[in-house]
C-alpha cells in the first residue's frame, strides 16, 4: 500500500487515470465492474434478487457509475464503503435506481 501511495503521489495523472504498474486505473475498474453488473442484470429477471459481494473500491466505483457521479477523489471517498458495509439497491430497466441502504453499518450495532 505504501508503494502505491508513493507512486500515486509522484504521478501527474488525474485521480481516475492513475494506473499503478501491473494494475488498473479507477476508470478501468469502473468500466470492468459496470460491464459485469450490466451482464448480471441482463441475465436475471426484473423480480430476481441478486447478492453482489465485492471489495470496497470496486463497490465505490460501481456506485459512482450507477448514480452518474464524476470520478474524482472527493466522490470516490464519499461512495467507497467501509468494511462490511451493506448497500441495497432496487434496479429496474427504465426506472431510476431506488436506494434502500447505501454503505450502511447498522448491522454492526446489534
PDB file of N, CA and C in Angstrom:
ATOM      1  N   UNK A   1       0.824  -1.194   0.000  1.00  0.00           N
ATOM      2  CA  UNK A   1       0.000   0.000   0.000  1.00  0.00           C
ATOM      3  C   UNK A   1       0.869   1.259   0.000  1.00  0.00           C
ATOM      4  N   UNK A   2       1.985   1.208   0.726  1.00  0.00           N
ATOM      5  CA  UNK A   2       2.878   2.367   0.780  1.00  0.00           C
ATOM      6  C   UNK A   2       3.480   2.664  -0.600  1.00  0.00           C
ATOM      7  N   UNK A   3       3.849   1.601  -1.324  1.00  0.00           N
ATOM      8  CA  UNK A   3       4.398   1.779  -2.673  1.00  0.00           C
ATOM      9  C   UNK A   3       3.360   2.422  -3.591  1.00  0.00           C
ATOM     10  N   UNK A   4       2.109   1.979  -3.471  1.00  0.00           N
ATOM     11  CA  UNK A   4       1.030   2.537  -4.289  1.00  0.00           C
ATOM     12  C   UNK A   4       0.861   4.016  -3.967  1.00  0.00           C
ATOM     13  N   UNK A   5       0.841   4.358  -2.689  1.00  0.00           N
ATOM     14  CA  UNK A   5       0.667   5.758  -2.287  1.00  0.00           C
ATOM     15  C   UNK A   5       1.808   6.630  -2.812  1.00  0.00           C
ATOM     16  N   UNK A   6       3.033   6.111  -2.744  1.00  0.00           N
ATOM     17  CA  UNK A   6       4.181   6.870  -3.229  1.00  0.00           C
ATOM     18  C   UNK A   6       4.093   7.072  -4.739  1.00  0.00           C
ATOM     19  N   UNK A   7       3.730   6.027  -5.466  1.00  0.00           N
ATOM     20  CA  UNK A   7       3.600   6.130  -6.920  1.00  0.00           C
ATOM     21  C   UNK A   7       2.489   7.106  -7.297  1.00  0.00           C
ATOM     22  N   UNK A   8       1.396   7.060  -6.572  1.00  0.00           N
ATOM     23  CA  UNK A   8       0.274   7.969  -6.842  1.00  0.00           C
ATOM     24  C   UNK A   8       0.681   9.411  -6.584  1.00  0.00           C
ATOM     25  N   UNK A   9       1.379   9.638  -5.479  1.00  0.00           N
ATOM     26  CA  UNK A   9       1.824  10.993  -5.147  1.00  0.00           C
ATOM     27  C   UNK A   9       2.789  11.535  -6.198  1.00  0.00           C
ATOM     28  N   UNK A  10       3.608  10.674  -6.770  1.00  0.00           N
ATOM     29  CA  UNK A  10       4.588  11.088  -7.776  1.00  0.00           C
ATOM     30  C   UNK A  10       3.965  11.252  -9.167  1.00  0.00           C
ATOM     31  N   UNK A  11       2.807  10.700  -9.371  1.00  0.00           N
ATOM     32  CA  UNK A  11       2.156  10.730 -10.684  1.00  0.00           C
ATOM     33  C   UNK A  11       1.522  12.090 -10.956  1.00  0.00           C
ATOM     34  N   UNK A  12       1.516  12.457 -12.218  1.00  0.00           N
ATOM     35  CA  UNK A  12       0.848  13.690 -12.637  1.00  0.00           C
ATOM     36  C   UNK A  12      -0.515  13.385 -13.258  1.00  0.00           C
ATOM     37  N   UNK A  13      -0.874  12.104 -13.277  1.00  0.00           N
ATOM     38  CA  UNK A  13      -2.159  11.707 -13.847  1.00  0.00           C
ATOM     39  C   UNK A  13      -3.304  12.133 -12.936  1.00  0.00           C
ATOM     40  N   UNK A  14      -4.473  12.456 -13.518  1.00  0.00           N
ATOM     41  CA  UNK A  14      -5.646  12.745 -12.691  1.00  0.00           C
ATOM     42  C   UNK A  14      -6.028  11.512 -11.867  1.00  0.00           C
ATOM     43  N   UNK A  15      -6.752  11.736 -10.790  1.00  0.00           N
ATOM     44  CA  UNK A  15      -7.140  10.676  -9.851  1.00  0.00           C
ATOM     45  C   UNK A  15      -7.646   9.436 -10.562  1.00  0.00           C
ATOM     46  N   UNK A  16      -8.597   9.589 -11.470  1.00  0.00           N
ATOM     47  CA  UNK A  16      -9.261   8.444 -12.094  1.00  0.00           C
ATOM     48  C   UNK A  16      -8.409   7.743 -13.154  1.00  0.00           C
ATOM     49  N   UNK A  17      -7.321   8.376 -13.595  1.00  0.00           N
ATOM     50  CA  UNK A  17      -6.497   7.779 -14.646  1.00  0.00           C
ATOM     51  C   UNK A  17      -5.168   7.234 -14.138  1.00  0.00           C
ATOM     52  N   UNK A  18      -4.833   7.499 -12.874  1.00  0.00           N
ATOM     53  CA  UNK A  18      -3.587   6.958 -12.326  1.00  0.00           C
ATOM     54  C   UNK A  18      -3.650   5.435 -12.378  1.00  0.00           C
ATOM     55  N   UNK A  19      -2.596   4.833 -12.941  1.00  0.00           N
ATOM     56  CA  UNK A  19      -2.564   3.380 -13.117  1.00  0.00           C
ATOM     57  C   UNK A  19      -1.233   2.860 -12.593  1.00  0.00           C
ATOM     58  N   UNK A  20      -1.261   2.137 -11.473  1.00  0.00           N
ATOM     59  CA  UNK A  20      -0.012   1.592 -10.955  1.00  0.00           C
ATOM     60  C   UNK A  20       0.520   0.494 -11.882  1.00  0.00           C
ATOM     61  N   UNK A  21       1.811   0.236 -11.783  1.00  0.00           N
ATOM     62  CA  UNK A  21       2.414  -0.807 -12.603  1.00  0.00           C
ATOM     63  C   UNK A  21       1.681  -2.126 -12.377  1.00  0.00           C
ATOM     64  N   UNK A  22       1.296  -2.780 -13.463  1.00  0.00           N
ATOM     65  CA  UNK A  22       0.569  -4.058 -13.443  1.00  0.00           C
ATOM     66  C   UNK A  22      -0.797  -3.944 -12.765  1.00  0.00           C
ATOM     67  N   UNK A  23      -1.373  -2.743 -12.758  1.00  0.00           N
ATOM     68  CA  UNK A  23      -2.667  -2.543 -12.107  1.00  0.00           C
ATOM     69  C   UNK A  23      -3.663  -1.866 -13.029  1.00  0.00           C
ATOM     70  N   UNK A  24      -4.762  -1.434 -12.448  1.00  0.00           N
ATOM     71  CA  UNK A  24      -5.826  -0.757 -13.187  1.00  0.00           C
ATOM     72  C   UNK A  24      -6.007   0.653 -12.640  1.00  0.00           C
ATOM     73  N   UNK A  25      -6.471   1.534 -13.488  1.00  0.00           N
ATOM     74  CA  UNK A  25      -6.876   2.857 -13.031  1.00  0.00           C
ATOM     75  C   UNK A  25      -8.286   2.734 -12.442  1.00  0.00           C
ATOM     76  N   UNK A  26      -8.699   3.742 -11.680  1.00  0.00           N
ATOM     77  CA  UNK A  26     -10.065   3.733 -11.147  1.00  0.00           C
ATOM     78  C   UNK A  26     -11.073   3.694 -12.295  1.00  0.00           C
ATOM     79  N   UNK A  27     -10.763   4.407 -13.367  1.00  0.00           N
ATOM     80  CA  UNK A  27     -11.647   4.411 -14.529  1.00  0.00           C
ATOM     81  C   UNK A  27     -11.794   3.004 -15.109  1.00  0.00           C
ATOM     82  N   UNK A  28     -10.686   2.277 -15.218  1.00  0.00           N
ATOM     83  CA  UNK A  28     -10.736   0.909 -15.739  1.00  0.00           C
ATOM     84  C   UNK A  28     -11.499  -0.019 -14.795  1.00  0.00           C
ATOM     85  N   UNK A  29     -11.322   0.158 -13.498  1.00  0.00           N
ATOM     86  CA  UNK A  29     -12.076  -0.644 -12.523  1.00  0.00           C
ATOM     87  C   UNK A  29     -13.568  -0.401 -12.719  1.00  0.00           C
ATOM     88  N   UNK A  30     -13.933   0.866 -12.873  1.00  0.00           N
ATOM     89  CA  UNK A  30     -15.345   1.193 -13.055  1.00  0.00           C
ATOM     90  C   UNK A  30     -15.895   0.575 -14.335  1.00  0.00           C
ATOM     91  N   UNK A  31     -15.153   0.663 -15.414  1.00  0.00           N
ATOM     92  CA  UNK A  31     -15.619   0.079 -16.682  1.00  0.00           C
ATOM     93  C   UNK A  31     -15.818  -1.429 -16.548  1.00  0.00           C
ATOM     94  N   UNK A  32     -14.858  -2.115 -15.938  1.00  0.00           N
ATOM     95  CA  UNK A  32     -14.936  -3.573 -15.785  1.00  0.00           C
ATOM     96  C   UNK A  32     -16.110  -3.963 -14.881  1.00  0.00           C
ATOM     97  N   UNK A  33     -16.255  -3.268 -13.760  1.00  0.00           N
ATOM     98  CA  UNK A  33     -17.325  -3.598 -12.825  1.00  0.00           C
ATOM     99  C   UNK A  33     -18.699  -3.274 -13.403  1.00  0.00           C
ATOM    100  N   UNK A  34     -18.799  -2.170 -14.117  1.00  0.00           N
ATOM    101  CA  UNK A  34     -20.081  -1.786 -14.724  1.00  0.00           C
ATOM    102  C   UNK A  34     -20.499  -2.765 -15.814  1.00  0.00           C
ATOM    103  N   UNK A  35     -19.524  -3.223 -16.590  1.00  0.00           N
ATOM    104  CA  UNK A  35     -19.815  -4.225 -17.625  1.00  0.00           C
ATOM    105  C   UNK A  35     -20.306  -5.519 -16.968  1.00  0.00           C
ATOM    106  N   UNK A  36     -19.649  -5.914 -15.879  1.00  0.00           N
ATOM    107  CA  UNK A  36     -20.067  -7.114 -15.159  1.00  0.00           C
ATOM    108  C   UNK A  36     -21.493  -6.956 -14.621  1.00  0.00           C
ATOM    109  N   UNK A  37     -21.787  -5.808 -13.988  1.00  0.00           N
ATOM    110  CA  UNK A  37     -23.124  -5.583 -13.430  1.00  0.00           C
ATOM    111  C   UNK A  37     -24.177  -5.585 -14.529  1.00  0.00           C
ATOM    112  N   UNK A  38     -23.894  -4.956 -15.653  1.00  0.00           N
ATOM    113  CA  UNK A  38     -24.855  -4.940 -16.756  1.00  0.00           C
ATOM    114  C   UNK A  38     -25.139  -6.361 -17.226  1.00  0.00           C
ATOM    115  N   UNK A  39     -24.093  -7.168 -17.384  1.00  0.00           N
ATOM    116  CA  UNK A  39     -24.286  -8.557 -17.797  1.00  0.00           C
ATOM    117  C   UNK A  39     -25.092  -9.341 -16.777  1.00  0.00           C
ATOM    118  N   UNK A  40     -24.835  -9.087 -15.508  1.00  0.00           N
ATOM    119  CA  UNK A  40     -25.570  -9.762 -14.437  1.00  0.00           C
ATOM    120  C   UNK A  40     -27.053  -9.389 -14.497  1.00  0.00           C
ATOM    121  N   UNK A  41     -27.333  -8.111 -14.659  1.00  0.00           N
ATOM    122  CA  UNK A  41     -28.723  -7.656 -14.733  1.00  0.00           C
ATOM    123  C   UNK A  41     -29.417  -8.185 -15.987  1.00  0.00           C
ATOM    124  N   UNK A  42     -28.676  -8.304 -17.079  1.00  0.00           N
ATOM    125  CA  UNK A  42     -29.257  -8.815 -18.331  1.00  0.00           C
ATOM    126  C   UNK A  42     -29.631 -10.292 -18.240  1.00  0.00           C
ATOM    127  N   UNK A  43     -28.970 -11.043 -17.357  1.00  0.00           N
ATOM    128  CA  UNK A  43     -29.245 -12.479 -17.255  1.00  0.00           C
ATOM    129  C   UNK A  43     -30.274 -12.816 -16.178  1.00  0.00           C
ATOM    130  N   UNK A  44     -30.765 -11.806 -15.468  1.00  0.00           N
ATOM    131  CA  UNK A  44     -31.750 -12.040 -14.415  1.00  0.00           C
ATOM    132  C   UNK A  44     -33.029 -11.280 -14.720  1.00  0.00           C
ATOM    133  N   UNK A  45     -34.130 -11.796 -14.229  1.00  0.00           N
ATOM    134  CA  UNK A  45     -35.427 -11.163 -14.427  1.00  0.00           C
ATOM    135  C   UNK A  45     -35.629  -9.987 -13.494  1.00  0.00           C
ATOM    136  N   UNK A  46     -36.633  -9.178 -13.793  1.00  0.00           N
ATOM    137  CA  UNK A  46     -36.952  -7.977 -13.003  1.00  0.00           C
ATOM    138  C   UNK A  46     -37.221  -8.288 -11.529  1.00  0.00           C
ATOM    139  N   UNK A  47     -37.778  -9.457 -11.238  1.00  0.00           N
ATOM    140  CA  UNK A  47     -38.140  -9.782  -9.858  1.00  0.00           C
ATOM    141  C   UNK A  47     -37.055 -10.560  -9.126  1.00  0.00           C
ATOM    142  N   UNK A  48     -35.929 -10.801  -9.773  1.00  0.00           N
ATOM    143  CA  UNK A  48     -34.845 -11.544  -9.131  1.00  0.00           C
ATOM    144  C   UNK A  48     -34.119 -10.668  -8.109  1.00  0.00           C
ATOM    145  N   UNK A  49     -33.647 -11.315  -7.074  1.00  0.00           N
ATOM    146  CA  UNK A  49     -32.792 -10.669  -6.084  1.00  0.00           C
ATOM    147  C   UNK A  49     -31.377 -11.169  -6.316  1.00  0.00           C
ATOM    148  N   UNK A  50     -30.434 -10.242  -6.393  1.00  0.00           N
ATOM    149  CA  UNK A  50     -29.040 -10.583  -6.661  1.00  0.00           C
ATOM    150  C   UNK A  50     -28.190 -10.110  -5.495  1.00  0.00           C
ATOM    151  N   UNK A  51     -27.350 -10.980  -4.992  1.00  0.00           N
ATOM    152  CA  UNK A  51     -26.374 -10.602  -3.965  1.00  0.00           C
ATOM    153  C   UNK A  51     -25.036 -10.440  -4.659  1.00  0.00           C
ATOM    154  N   UNK A  52     -24.459  -9.272  -4.534  1.00  0.00           N
ATOM    155  CA  UNK A  52     -23.163  -8.985  -5.138  1.00  0.00           C
ATOM    156  C   UNK A  52     -22.204  -8.610  -4.013  1.00  0.00           C
ATOM    157  N   UNK A  53     -21.121  -9.342  -3.899  1.00  0.00           N
ATOM    158  CA  UNK A  53     -20.116  -9.097  -2.862  1.00  0.00           C
ATOM    159  C   UNK A  53     -18.841  -8.655  -3.548  1.00  0.00           C
ATOM    160  N   UNK A  54     -18.232  -7.599  -3.032  1.00  0.00           N
ATOM    161  CA  UNK A  54     -17.075  -7.040  -3.714  1.00  0.00           C
ATOM    162  C   UNK A  54     -16.168  -6.312  -2.730  1.00  0.00           C
ATOM    163  N   UNK A  55     -14.985  -5.983  -3.197  1.00  0.00           N
ATOM    164  CA  UNK A  55     -14.089  -5.105  -2.449  1.00  0.00           C
ATOM    165  C   UNK A  55     -14.687  -3.701  -2.428  1.00  0.00           C
ATOM    166  N   UNK A  56     -14.344  -2.945  -1.411  1.00  0.00           N
ATOM    167  CA  UNK A  56     -14.891  -1.603  -1.254  1.00  0.00           C
ATOM    168  C   UNK A  56     -14.584  -0.667  -2.406  1.00  0.00           C
ATOM    169  N   UNK A  57     -13.366  -0.733  -2.940  1.00  0.00           N
ATOM    170  CA  UNK A  57     -13.013   0.138  -4.052  1.00  0.00           C
ATOM    171  C   UNK A  57     -13.866  -0.116  -5.280  1.00  0.00           C
ATOM    172  N   UNK A  58     -14.100  -1.379  -5.563  1.00  0.00           N
ATOM    173  CA  UNK A  58     -14.938  -1.744  -6.708  1.00  0.00           C
ATOM    174  C   UNK A  58     -16.378  -1.304  -6.469  1.00  0.00           C
ATOM    175  N   UNK A  59     -16.873  -1.535  -5.262  1.00  0.00           N
ATOM    176  CA  UNK A  59     -18.236  -1.101  -4.926  1.00  0.00           C
ATOM    177  C   UNK A  59     -18.360   0.411  -5.050  1.00  0.00           C
ATOM    178  N   UNK A  60     -17.374   1.124  -4.550  1.00  0.00           N
ATOM    179  CA  UNK A  60     -17.403   2.585  -4.646  1.00  0.00           C
ATOM    180  C   UNK A  60     -17.465   3.056  -6.087  1.00  0.00           C
ATOM    181  N   UNK A  61     -16.675   2.426  -6.952  1.00  0.00           N
ATOM    182  CA  UNK A  61     -16.678   2.817  -8.360  1.00  0.00           C
ATOM    183  C   UNK A  61     -18.000   2.460  -9.034  1.00  0.00           C
ATOM    184  N   UNK A  62     -18.589   1.328  -8.649  1.00  0.00           N
ATOM    185  CA  UNK A  62     -19.907   0.963  -9.187  1.00  0.00           C
ATOM    186  C   UNK A  62     -20.958   1.985  -8.769  1.00  0.00           C
ATOM    187  N   UNK A  63     -20.919   2.402  -7.505  1.00  0.00           N
ATOM    188  CA  UNK A  63     -21.891   3.390  -7.034  1.00  0.00           C
ATOM    189  C   UNK A  63     -21.744   4.713  -7.781  1.00  0.00           C
ATOM    190  N   UNK A  64     -20.512   5.126  -8.042  1.00  0.00           N
ATOM    191  CA  UNK A  64     -20.318   6.355  -8.826  1.00  0.00           C
ATOM    192  C   UNK A  64     -20.950   6.206 -10.207  1.00  0.00           C
ATOM    193  N   UNK A  65     -20.795   5.041 -10.820  1.00  0.00           N
ATOM    194  CA  UNK A  65     -21.375   4.808 -12.135  1.00  0.00           C
ATOM    195  C   UNK A  65     -22.902   4.762 -12.062  1.00  0.00           C
ATOM    196  N   UNK A  66     -23.426   4.013 -11.130  1.00  0.00           N
ATOM    197  CA  UNK A  66     -24.882   3.867 -11.002  1.00  0.00           C
ATOM    198  C   UNK A  66     -25.555   5.215 -10.778  1.00  0.00           C
ATOM    199  N   UNK A  67     -24.952   6.050  -9.934  1.00  0.00           N
ATOM    200  CA  UNK A  67     -25.547   7.349  -9.614  1.00  0.00           C
ATOM    201  C   UNK A  67     -24.992   8.491 -10.470  1.00  0.00           C
ATOM    202  N   UNK A  68     -24.252   8.097 -11.532  1.00  0.00           N
ATOM    203  CA  UNK A  68     -23.745   9.040 -12.528  1.00  0.00           C
ATOM    204  C   UNK A  68     -22.970  10.191 -11.900  1.00  0.00           C
ATOM    205  N   UNK A  69     -22.055   9.841 -11.006  1.00  0.00           N
ATOM    206  CA  UNK A  69     -21.191  10.823 -10.348  1.00  0.00           C
ATOM    207  C   UNK A  69     -19.838  10.840 -11.047  1.00  0.00           C
ATOM    208  N   UNK A  70     -19.237  11.991 -11.103  1.00  0.00           N
ATOM    209  CA  UNK A  70     -17.907  12.135 -11.694  1.00  0.00           C
ATOM    210  C   UNK A  70     -16.889  11.343 -10.872  1.00  0.00           C
ATOM    211  N   UNK A  71     -15.933  10.732 -11.568  1.00  0.00           N
ATOM    212  CA  UNK A  71     -14.868  10.016 -10.871  1.00  0.00           C
ATOM    213  C   UNK A  71     -13.816  11.035 -10.450  1.00  0.00           C
ATOM    214  N   UNK A  72     -13.840  11.367  -9.176  1.00  0.00           N
ATOM    215  CA  UNK A  72     -12.787  12.190  -8.602  1.00  0.00           C
ATOM    216  C   UNK A  72     -12.586  11.724  -7.164  1.00  0.00           C
ATOM    217  N   UNK A  73     -11.532  12.197  -6.543  1.00  0.00           N
ATOM    218  CA  UNK A  73     -11.180  11.693  -5.215  1.00  0.00           C
ATOM    219  C   UNK A  73     -12.265  11.976  -4.186  1.00  0.00           C
ATOM    220  N   UNK A  74     -12.872  13.137  -4.250  1.00  0.00           N
ATOM    221  CA  UNK A  74     -13.921  13.504  -3.288  1.00  0.00           C
ATOM    222  C   UNK A  74     -15.138  12.573  -3.415  1.00  0.00           C
ATOM    223  N   UNK A  75     -15.627  12.371  -4.636  1.00  0.00           N
ATOM    224  CA  UNK A  75     -16.775  11.484  -4.843  1.00  0.00           C
ATOM    225  C   UNK A  75     -16.436  10.045  -4.484  1.00  0.00           C
ATOM    226  N   UNK A  76     -15.217   9.622  -4.834  1.00  0.00           N
ATOM    227  CA  UNK A  76     -14.803   8.254  -4.515  1.00  0.00           C
ATOM    228  C   UNK A  76     -14.831   8.032  -2.998  1.00  0.00           C
ATOM    229  N   UNK A  77     -14.243   8.937  -2.249  1.00  0.00           N
ATOM    230  CA  UNK A  77     -14.221   8.793  -0.784  1.00  0.00           C
ATOM    231  C   UNK A  77     -15.635   8.823  -0.196  1.00  0.00           C
ATOM    232  N   UNK A  78     -16.520   9.596  -0.803  1.00  0.00           N
ATOM    233  CA  UNK A  78     -17.898   9.695  -0.313  1.00  0.00           C
ATOM    234  C   UNK A  78     -18.715   8.434  -0.594  1.00  0.00           C
ATOM    235  N   UNK A  79     -18.320   7.657  -1.606  1.00  0.00           N
ATOM    236  CA  UNK A  79     -19.106   6.482  -2.002  1.00  0.00           C
ATOM    237  C   UNK A  79     -18.443   5.146  -1.678  1.00  0.00           C
ATOM    238  N   UNK A  80     -17.147   5.148  -1.357  1.00  0.00           N
ATOM    239  CA  UNK A  80     -16.444   3.905  -1.048  1.00  0.00           C
ATOM    240  C   UNK A  80     -16.903   3.427   0.331  1.00  0.00           C
ATOM    241  N   UNK A  81     -17.414   2.195   0.412  1.00  0.00           N
ATOM    242  CA  UNK A  81     -17.926   1.706   1.693  1.00  0.00           C
ATOM    243  C   UNK A  81     -16.811   1.284   2.659  1.00  0.00           C
ATOM    244  N   UNK A  82     -17.143   1.321   3.932  1.00  0.00           N
ATOM    245  CA  UNK A  82     -16.274   0.753   4.964  1.00  0.00           C
ATOM    246  C   UNK A  82     -16.408  -0.768   4.894  1.00  0.00           C
ATOM    247  N   UNK A  83     -15.501  -1.483   5.547  1.00  0.00           N
ATOM    248  CA  UNK A  83     -15.586  -2.944   5.582  1.00  0.00           C
ATOM    249  C   UNK A  83     -16.927  -3.380   6.154  1.00  0.00           C
ATOM    250  N   UNK A  84     -17.527  -4.342   5.559  1.00  0.00           N
ATOM    251  CA  UNK A  84     -18.803  -4.983   5.897  1.00  0.00           C
ATOM    252  C   UNK A  84     -20.029  -4.107   5.617  1.00  0.00           C
ATOM    253  N   UNK A  85     -19.849  -2.960   4.986  1.00  0.00           N
ATOM    254  CA  UNK A  85     -20.996  -2.091   4.704  1.00  0.00           C
ATOM    255  C   UNK A  85     -21.963  -2.777   3.748  1.00  0.00           C
ATOM    256  N   UNK A  86     -23.235  -2.464   3.908  1.00  0.00           N
ATOM    257  CA  UNK A  86     -24.314  -3.070   3.132  1.00  0.00           C
ATOM    258  C   UNK A  86     -25.012  -1.993   2.307  1.00  0.00           C
ATOM    259  N   UNK A  87     -25.162  -2.267   1.025  1.00  0.00           N
ATOM    260  CA  UNK A  87     -25.914  -1.395   0.132  1.00  0.00           C
ATOM    261  C   UNK A  87     -27.027  -2.226  -0.484  1.00  0.00           C
ATOM    262  N   UNK A  88     -28.229  -1.699  -0.436  1.00  0.00           N
ATOM    263  CA  UNK A  88     -29.380  -2.375  -1.042  1.00  0.00           C
ATOM    264  C   UNK A  88     -29.983  -1.423  -2.075  1.00  0.00           C
ATOM    265  N   UNK A  89     -29.940  -1.849  -3.333  1.00  0.00           N
ATOM    266  CA  UNK A  89     -30.465  -1.047  -4.431  1.00  0.00           C
ATOM    267  C   UNK A  89     -31.550  -1.820  -5.162  1.00  0.00           C
ATOM    268  N   UNK A  90     -32.519  -1.106  -5.652  1.00  0.00           N
ATOM    269  CA  UNK A  90     -33.558  -1.684  -6.499  1.00  0.00           C
ATOM    270  C   UNK A  90     -33.331  -1.117  -7.898  1.00  0.00           C
ATOM    271  N   UNK A  91     -32.937  -1.999  -8.811  1.00  0.00           N
ATOM    272  CA  UNK A  91     -32.607  -1.574 -10.163  1.00  0.00           C
ATOM    273  C   UNK A  91     -33.581  -2.224 -11.133  1.00  0.00           C
ATOM    274  N   UNK A  92     -34.342  -1.397 -11.835  1.00  0.00           N
ATOM    275  CA  UNK A  92     -35.301  -1.872 -12.834  1.00  0.00           C
ATOM    276  C   UNK A  92     -35.078  -1.097 -14.125  1.00  0.00           C
ATOM    277  N   UNK A  93     -35.147  -1.799 -15.244  1.00  0.00           N
ATOM    278  CA  UNK A  93     -34.935  -1.155 -16.542  1.00  0.00           C
ATOM    279  C   UNK A  93     -35.952  -0.033 -16.741  1.00  0.00           C
ATOM    280  N   UNK A  94     -35.447   1.103 -17.186  1.00  0.00           N
ATOM    281  CA  UNK A  94     -36.320   2.228 -17.495  1.00  0.00           C
ATOM    282  C   UNK A  94     -36.782   3.023 -16.291  1.00  0.00           C
ATOM    283  N   UNK A  95     -36.314   2.684 -15.096  1.00  0.00           N
ATOM    284  CA  UNK A  95     -36.713   3.404 -13.881  1.00  0.00           C
ATOM    285  C   UNK A  95     -35.469   3.895 -13.155  1.00  0.00           C
ATOM    286  N   UNK A  96     -35.613   4.981 -12.390  1.00  0.00           N
ATOM    287  CA  UNK A  96     -34.469   5.426 -11.594  1.00  0.00           C
ATOM    288  C   UNK A  96     -34.106   4.367 -10.549  1.00  0.00           C
ATOM    289  N   UNK A  97     -32.852   4.302 -10.191  1.00  0.00           N
ATOM    290  CA  UNK A  97     -32.395   3.371  -9.154  1.00  0.00           C
ATOM    291  C   UNK A  97     -32.969   3.823  -7.828  1.00  0.00           C
ATOM    292  N   UNK A  98     -33.538   2.877  -7.096  1.00  0.00           N
ATOM    293  CA  UNK A  98     -34.078   3.169  -5.765  1.00  0.00           C
ATOM    294  C   UNK A  98     -33.083   2.636  -4.737  1.00  0.00           C
ATOM    295  N   UNK A  99     -32.566   3.521  -3.905  1.00  0.00           N
ATOM    296  CA  UNK A  99     -31.598   3.135  -2.878  1.00  0.00           C
ATOM    297  C   UNK A  99     -32.316   2.927  -1.554  1.00  0.00           C
ATOM    298  N   UNK A 100     -32.284   1.699  -1.051  1.00  0.00           N
ATOM    299  CA  UNK A 100     -32.873   1.398   0.254  1.00  0.00           C
ATOM    300  C   UNK A 100     -31.845   1.627   1.358  1.00  0.00           C
ATOM    301  N   UNK A 101     -30.595   1.270   1.094  1.00  0.00           N
ATOM    302  CA  UNK A 101     -29.486   1.499   2.019  1.00  0.00           C
ATOM    303  C   UNK A 101     -28.239   1.728   1.178  1.00  0.00           C
ATOM    304  N   UNK A 102     -27.416   2.675   1.612  1.00  0.00           N
ATOM    305  CA  UNK A 102     -26.139   2.889   0.933  1.00  0.00           C
ATOM    306  C   UNK A 102     -25.044   2.883   2.003  1.00  0.00           C
ATOM    307  N   UNK A 103     -24.139   1.919   1.875  1.00  0.00           N
ATOM    308  CA  UNK A 103     -22.983   1.799   2.763  1.00  0.00           C
ATOM    309  C   UNK A 103     -23.382   1.806   4.234  1.00  0.00           C
ATOM    310  N   UNK A 104     -24.425   1.077   4.558  1.00  0.00           N
ATOM    311  CA  UNK A 104     -24.933   1.008   5.925  1.00  0.00           C
ATOM    312  C   UNK A 104     -24.074   0.089   6.801  1.00  0.00           C
ATOM    313  N   UNK A 105     -23.853   0.529   8.022  1.00  0.00           N
ATOM    314  CA  UNK A 105     -23.135  -0.275   9.011  1.00  0.00           C
ATOM    315  C   UNK A 105     -24.031  -0.579  10.215  1.00  0.00           C
ATOM    316  N   UNK A 106     -25.320  -0.333  10.082  1.00  0.00           N
ATOM    317  CA  UNK A 106     -26.228  -0.502  11.227  1.00  0.00           C
ATOM    318  C   UNK A 106     -26.267  -1.928  11.753  1.00  0.00           C
ATOM    319  N   UNK A 107     -25.951  -2.907  10.922  1.00  0.00           N
ATOM    320  CA  UNK A 107     -25.939  -4.303  11.369  1.00  0.00           C
ATOM    321  C   UNK A 107     -24.845  -4.554  12.398  1.00  0.00           C
ATOM    322  N   UNK A 108     -23.859  -3.690  12.480  1.00  0.00           N
ATOM    323  CA  UNK A 108     -22.776  -3.868  13.452  1.00  0.00           C
ATOM    324  C   UNK A 108     -23.179  -3.411  14.847  1.00  0.00           C
ATOM    325  N   UNK A 109     -24.261  -2.663  14.946  1.00  0.00           N
ATOM    326  CA  UNK A 109     -24.704  -2.134  16.241  1.00  0.00           C
ATOM    327  C   UNK A 109     -25.607  -3.110  16.991  1.00  0.00           C
ATOM    328  N   UNK A 110     -25.891  -4.247  16.410  1.00  0.00           N
ATOM    329  CA  UNK A 110     -26.823  -5.184  17.039  1.00  0.00           C
ATOM    330  C   UNK A 110     -26.087  -6.192  17.876  1.00  0.00           C
TER     331      UNK A 110
END
